[in-house]
Amino acid sequence: MATGHTHAVSTTKVFVWVWSFLVLLTFVEVFFAYRRMSLELMIVILLGLSVMKSALIMAYFMHLKFERLSLVMTLIPALVILICLMFISFPDSVRIHQLTPR
């Protein structure tokens, strides 16, 4: 007996496009990692790109795009805690960067 719930199924073409975009974002991250720019700007750019990549992975490869909103909303506090932990360790990374000989 069918329950009436429909589940949208992504095609292989969608997954290939998402995977290609993830590879492109990885190349952009590597490019910015080797650029000479201020450390703060580089970390903000790399963190932003990493959040984009993790959102794509969660939405398509973990199939959260098709889940109920309540399940997705449980992940938001985890993301906020993760970002707070990154900012807690941010001063240490700047200090270590300043201690390295140039």
N, C-alpha and C. Protein backbone atom coordinates (compact mmCIF):
# COMPACT_ATOMS: atom_id res chain seq x y z
N MET A 1 0.84 -1.17 0.00
CA MET A 1 0.00 0.00 0.00
C MET A 1 0.89 1.24 0.00
N ALA A 2 0.67 2.14 -0.89
CA ALA A 2 1.47 3.36 -0.99
C ALA A 2 0.99 4.36 0.06
N THR A 3 1.93 5.07 0.64
CA THR A 3 1.59 6.06 1.67
C THR A 3 1.35 7.44 1.09
N GLY A 4 1.64 7.62 -0.16
CA GLY A 4 1.41 8.92 -0.76
C GLY A 4 2.60 9.86 -0.69
N HIS A 5 3.69 9.44 -0.06
CA HIS A 5 4.88 10.28 0.01
C HIS A 5 5.65 10.16 -1.29
N THR A 6 6.00 11.29 -1.83
CA THR A 6 6.80 11.28 -3.04
C THR A 6 8.20 11.72 -2.69
N HIS A 7 9.16 11.16 -3.37
CA HIS A 7 10.55 11.49 -3.14
C HIS A 7 11.18 11.80 -4.49
N ALA A 8 11.62 13.02 -4.65
CA ALA A 8 12.26 13.40 -5.91
C ALA A 8 13.61 12.71 -6.01
N VAL A 9 13.87 12.17 -7.15
CA VAL A 9 15.12 11.45 -7.37
C VAL A 9 15.99 12.26 -8.32
N SER A 10 17.21 12.49 -7.91
CA SER A 10 18.15 13.20 -8.79
C SER A 10 18.72 12.23 -9.79
N THR A 11 19.00 12.75 -10.95
CA THR A 11 19.59 11.92 -11.98
C THR A 11 21.11 11.93 -11.85
N THR A 12 21.74 11.04 -12.58
CA THR A 12 23.20 10.98 -12.57
C THR A 12 23.78 12.28 -13.11
N LYS A 13 23.08 12.90 -14.04
CA LYS A 13 23.56 14.16 -14.61
C LYS A 13 23.67 15.24 -13.53
N VAL A 14 22.72 15.31 -12.62
CA VAL A 14 22.77 16.29 -11.53
C VAL A 14 23.97 16.01 -10.64
N PHE A 15 24.19 14.74 -10.31
CA PHE A 15 25.32 14.40 -9.45
C PHE A 15 26.66 14.71 -10.11
N VAL A 16 26.75 14.50 -11.41
CA VAL A 16 27.99 14.82 -12.13
C VAL A 16 28.23 16.33 -12.11
N TRP A 17 27.17 17.12 -12.31
CA TRP A 17 27.31 18.57 -12.26
C TRP A 17 27.74 19.04 -10.87
N VAL A 18 27.13 18.48 -9.84
CA VAL A 18 27.50 18.86 -8.46
C VAL A 18 28.93 18.45 -8.18
N TRP A 19 29.32 17.24 -8.58
CA TRP A 19 30.69 16.79 -8.36
C TRP A 19 31.67 17.68 -9.12
N SER A 20 31.34 18.06 -10.34
CA SER A 20 32.22 18.94 -11.12
C SER A 20 32.37 20.30 -10.44
N PHE A 21 31.28 20.82 -9.90
CA PHE A 21 31.34 22.10 -9.20
C PHE A 21 32.18 21.98 -7.93
N LEU A 22 32.09 20.84 -7.24
CA LEU A 22 32.91 20.62 -6.05
C LEU A 22 34.40 20.57 -6.41
N VAL A 23 34.72 19.94 -7.53
CA VAL A 23 36.12 19.91 -7.99
C VAL A 23 36.58 21.31 -8.34
N LEU A 24 35.73 22.08 -9.00
CA LEU A 24 36.07 23.45 -9.34
C LEU A 24 36.32 24.28 -8.08
N LEU A 25 35.46 24.14 -7.09
CA LEU A 25 35.66 24.86 -5.82
C LEU A 25 36.96 24.45 -5.14
N THR A 26 37.32 23.18 -5.24
CA THR A 26 38.59 22.72 -4.67
C THR A 26 39.77 23.38 -5.36
N PHE A 27 39.72 23.48 -6.69
CA PHE A 27 40.79 24.16 -7.42
C PHE A 27 40.87 25.63 -7.04
N VAL A 28 39.72 26.27 -6.84
CA VAL A 28 39.71 27.67 -6.42
C VAL A 28 40.33 27.80 -5.03
N GLU A 29 40.03 26.85 -4.13
CA GLU A 29 40.63 26.88 -2.79
C GLU A 29 42.15 26.72 -2.86
N VAL A 30 42.61 25.82 -3.69
CA VAL A 30 44.06 25.63 -3.84
C VAL A 30 44.69 26.89 -4.42
N PHE A 31 44.03 27.51 -5.39
CA PHE A 31 44.54 28.74 -5.98
C PHE A 31 44.69 29.83 -4.92
N PHE A 32 43.65 30.02 -4.09
CA PHE A 32 43.72 31.05 -3.05
C PHE A 32 44.71 30.69 -1.95
N ALA A 33 44.94 29.42 -1.73
CA ALA A 33 45.89 29.01 -0.69
C ALA A 33 47.32 29.41 -1.05
N TYR A 34 47.63 29.48 -2.35
CA TYR A 34 48.97 29.83 -2.79
C TYR A 34 49.12 31.31 -3.16
N ARG A 35 48.04 32.08 -3.08
CA ARG A 35 48.11 33.51 -3.39
C ARG A 35 48.72 34.26 -2.22
N ARG A 36 49.41 35.36 -2.51
CA ARG A 36 49.94 36.23 -1.46
C ARG A 36 48.86 37.26 -1.14
N MET A 37 48.20 37.08 -0.01
CA MET A 37 47.19 38.01 0.44
C MET A 37 47.17 37.98 1.96
N SER A 38 46.44 38.88 2.55
CA SER A 38 46.40 38.91 4.00
C SER A 38 45.80 37.60 4.52
N LEU A 39 46.32 37.16 5.64
CA LEU A 39 45.90 35.89 6.20
C LEU A 39 44.42 35.90 6.56
N GLU A 40 43.94 37.01 7.08
CA GLU A 40 42.54 37.09 7.48
C GLU A 40 41.61 36.94 6.28
N LEU A 41 41.94 37.63 5.18
CA LEU A 41 41.13 37.54 3.97
C LEU A 41 41.16 36.13 3.40
N MET A 42 42.33 35.52 3.38
CA MET A 42 42.45 34.17 2.84
C MET A 42 41.63 33.18 3.66
N ILE A 43 41.67 33.30 4.98
CA ILE A 43 40.92 32.37 5.83
C ILE A 43 39.42 32.57 5.64
N VAL A 44 38.98 33.81 5.51
CA VAL A 44 37.55 34.07 5.30
C VAL A 44 37.10 33.48 3.96
N ILE A 45 37.90 33.66 2.92
CA ILE A 45 37.55 33.12 1.60
C ILE A 45 37.52 31.60 1.64
N LEU A 46 38.54 30.99 2.24
CA LEU A 46 38.59 29.53 2.30
C LEU A 46 37.47 28.95 3.15
N LEU A 47 37.13 29.62 4.25
CA LEU A 47 36.01 29.14 5.07
C LEU A 47 34.69 29.27 4.32
N GLY A 48 34.51 30.35 3.60
CA GLY A 48 33.29 30.52 2.82
C GLY A 48 33.14 29.45 1.74
N LEU A 49 34.23 29.18 1.04
CA LEU A 49 34.19 28.14 0.01
C LEU A 49 33.95 26.76 0.63
N SER A 50 34.53 26.51 1.80
CA SER A 50 34.33 25.23 2.47
C SER A 50 32.88 25.06 2.93
N VAL A 51 32.26 26.13 3.39
CA VAL A 51 30.85 26.05 3.78
C VAL A 51 29.99 25.77 2.55
N MET A 52 30.32 26.39 1.42
CA MET A 52 29.58 26.11 0.18
C MET A 52 29.71 24.65 -0.22
N LYS A 53 30.94 24.13 -0.13
CA LYS A 53 31.16 22.73 -0.50
C LYS A 53 30.42 21.79 0.44
N SER A 54 30.46 22.06 1.73
CA SER A 54 29.77 21.18 2.66
C SER A 54 28.26 21.24 2.47
N ALA A 55 27.72 22.41 2.13
CA ALA A 55 26.29 22.52 1.87
C ALA A 55 25.89 21.71 0.64
N LEU A 56 26.71 21.76 -0.40
CA LEU A 56 26.42 20.96 -1.60
C LEU A 56 26.48 19.47 -1.30
N ILE A 57 27.48 19.06 -0.53
CA ILE A 57 27.62 17.64 -0.19
C ILE A 57 26.42 17.18 0.64
N MET A 58 26.04 17.99 1.62
CA MET A 58 24.91 17.60 2.45
C MET A 58 23.61 17.59 1.65
N ALA A 59 23.43 18.55 0.78
CA ALA A 59 22.18 18.65 0.03
C ALA A 59 22.01 17.52 -0.98
N TYR A 60 23.06 17.21 -1.73
CA TYR A 60 22.91 16.26 -2.82
C TYR A 60 23.40 14.85 -2.48
N PHE A 61 24.58 14.72 -1.91
CA PHE A 61 25.13 13.39 -1.69
C PHE A 61 24.60 12.75 -0.41
N MET A 62 24.18 13.57 0.56
CA MET A 62 23.54 13.03 1.76
C MET A 62 22.01 13.11 1.63
N HIS A 63 21.53 13.58 0.51
CA HIS A 63 20.10 13.64 0.15
C HIS A 63 19.28 14.48 1.13
N LEU A 64 19.88 15.49 1.74
CA LEU A 64 19.13 16.34 2.65
C LEU A 64 18.28 17.37 1.91
N LYS A 65 18.51 17.53 0.64
CA LYS A 65 17.70 18.46 -0.15
C LYS A 65 16.24 18.00 -0.17
N PHE A 66 16.05 16.70 -0.07
CA PHE A 66 14.71 16.14 -0.19
C PHE A 66 14.08 15.83 1.17
N GLU A 67 14.76 16.15 2.24
CA GLU A 67 14.24 15.84 3.57
C GLU A 67 13.32 16.95 4.07
N ARG A 68 12.65 16.67 5.17
CA ARG A 68 11.77 17.66 5.78
C ARG A 68 12.60 18.80 6.35
N LEU A 69 11.99 19.94 6.44
CA LEU A 69 12.67 21.14 6.92
C LEU A 69 13.13 20.97 8.37
N SER A 70 12.37 20.23 9.17
CA SER A 70 12.75 20.06 10.58
C SER A 70 14.07 19.31 10.71
N LEU A 71 14.33 18.34 9.83
CA LEU A 71 15.59 17.61 9.89
C LEU A 71 16.75 18.51 9.49
N VAL A 72 16.55 19.32 8.48
CA VAL A 72 17.61 20.24 8.04
C VAL A 72 17.88 21.29 9.12
N MET A 73 16.82 21.74 9.79
CA MET A 73 16.98 22.76 10.83
C MET A 73 17.75 22.24 12.04
N THR A 74 17.83 20.94 12.22
CA THR A 74 18.64 20.41 13.32
C THR A 74 20.13 20.55 13.02
N LEU A 75 20.48 20.71 11.77
CA LEU A 75 21.89 20.85 11.41
C LEU A 75 22.41 22.27 11.60
N ILE A 76 21.51 23.25 11.64
CA ILE A 76 21.94 24.65 11.77
C ILE A 76 22.67 24.90 13.10
N PRO A 77 22.20 24.41 14.25
CA PRO A 77 22.98 24.62 15.48
C PRO A 77 24.38 24.00 15.40
N ALA A 78 24.49 22.85 14.76
CA ALA A 78 25.81 22.24 14.60
C ALA A 78 26.72 23.13 13.76
N LEU A 79 26.18 23.75 12.72
CA LEU A 79 26.97 24.65 11.89
C LEU A 79 27.40 25.88 12.68
N VAL A 80 26.50 26.42 13.49
CA VAL A 80 26.84 27.59 14.31
C VAL A 80 27.94 27.24 15.31
N ILE A 81 27.84 26.09 15.95
CA ILE A 81 28.87 25.66 16.90
C ILE A 81 30.20 25.46 16.19
N LEU A 82 30.18 24.88 15.01
CA LEU A 82 31.40 24.67 14.24
C LEU A 82 32.06 25.99 13.88
N ILE A 83 31.29 26.95 13.45
CA ILE A 83 31.85 28.26 13.10
C ILE A 83 32.42 28.94 14.33
N CYS A 84 31.73 28.84 15.47
CA CYS A 84 32.25 29.42 16.72
C CYS A 84 33.58 28.77 17.11
N LEU A 85 33.67 27.45 16.97
CA LEU A 85 34.93 26.77 17.29
C LEU A 85 36.06 27.19 16.36
N MET A 86 35.73 27.44 15.11
CA MET A 86 36.75 27.91 14.18
C MET A 86 37.26 29.29 14.58
N PHE A 87 36.35 30.17 14.99
CA PHE A 87 36.78 31.50 15.40
C PHE A 87 37.53 31.49 16.73
N ILE A 88 37.28 30.47 17.55
CA ILE A 88 38.05 30.33 18.79
C ILE A 88 39.51 29.97 18.46
N SER A 89 39.70 29.12 17.46
CA SER A 89 41.06 28.72 17.11
C SER A 89 41.73 29.70 16.15
N PHE A 90 41.00 30.66 15.61
CA PHE A 90 41.55 31.61 14.65
C PHE A 90 42.72 32.42 15.21
N PRO A 91 42.66 32.96 16.46
CA PRO A 91 43.82 33.71 16.98
C PRO A 91 45.09 32.86 17.09
N ASP A 92 44.94 31.58 17.39
CA ASP A 92 46.12 30.72 17.45
C ASP A 92 46.76 30.54 16.08
N SER A 93 45.94 30.43 15.05
CA SER A 93 46.51 30.26 13.72
C SER A 93 47.24 31.52 13.27
N VAL A 94 46.73 32.69 13.65
CA VAL A 94 47.41 33.94 13.32
C VAL A 94 48.72 34.05 14.08
N ARG A 95 48.71 33.65 15.35
CA ARG A 95 49.93 33.71 16.17
C ARG A 95 50.99 32.76 15.61
N ILE A 96 50.59 31.56 15.24
CA ILE A 96 51.55 30.60 14.68
C ILE A 96 52.11 31.12 13.37
N HIS A 97 51.24 31.74 12.56
CA HIS A 97 51.70 32.30 11.29
C HIS A 97 52.72 33.43 11.53
N GLN A 98 52.53 34.22 12.56
CA GLN A 98 53.45 35.32 12.85
C GLN A 98 54.77 34.81 13.42
N LEU A 99 54.77 33.62 14.03
CA LEU A 99 56.00 33.07 14.61
C LEU A 99 56.90 32.41 13.59
N THR A 100 56.35 32.02 12.45
CA THR A 100 57.16 31.34 11.45
C THR A 100 58.17 32.30 10.84
N PRO A 101 59.41 31.85 10.67
CA PRO A 101 60.41 32.73 10.05
C PRO A 101 60.09 32.98 8.59
N ARG A 102 60.38 34.17 8.15
CA ARG A 102 60.09 34.53 6.76
C ARG A 102 61.35 34.57 5.95
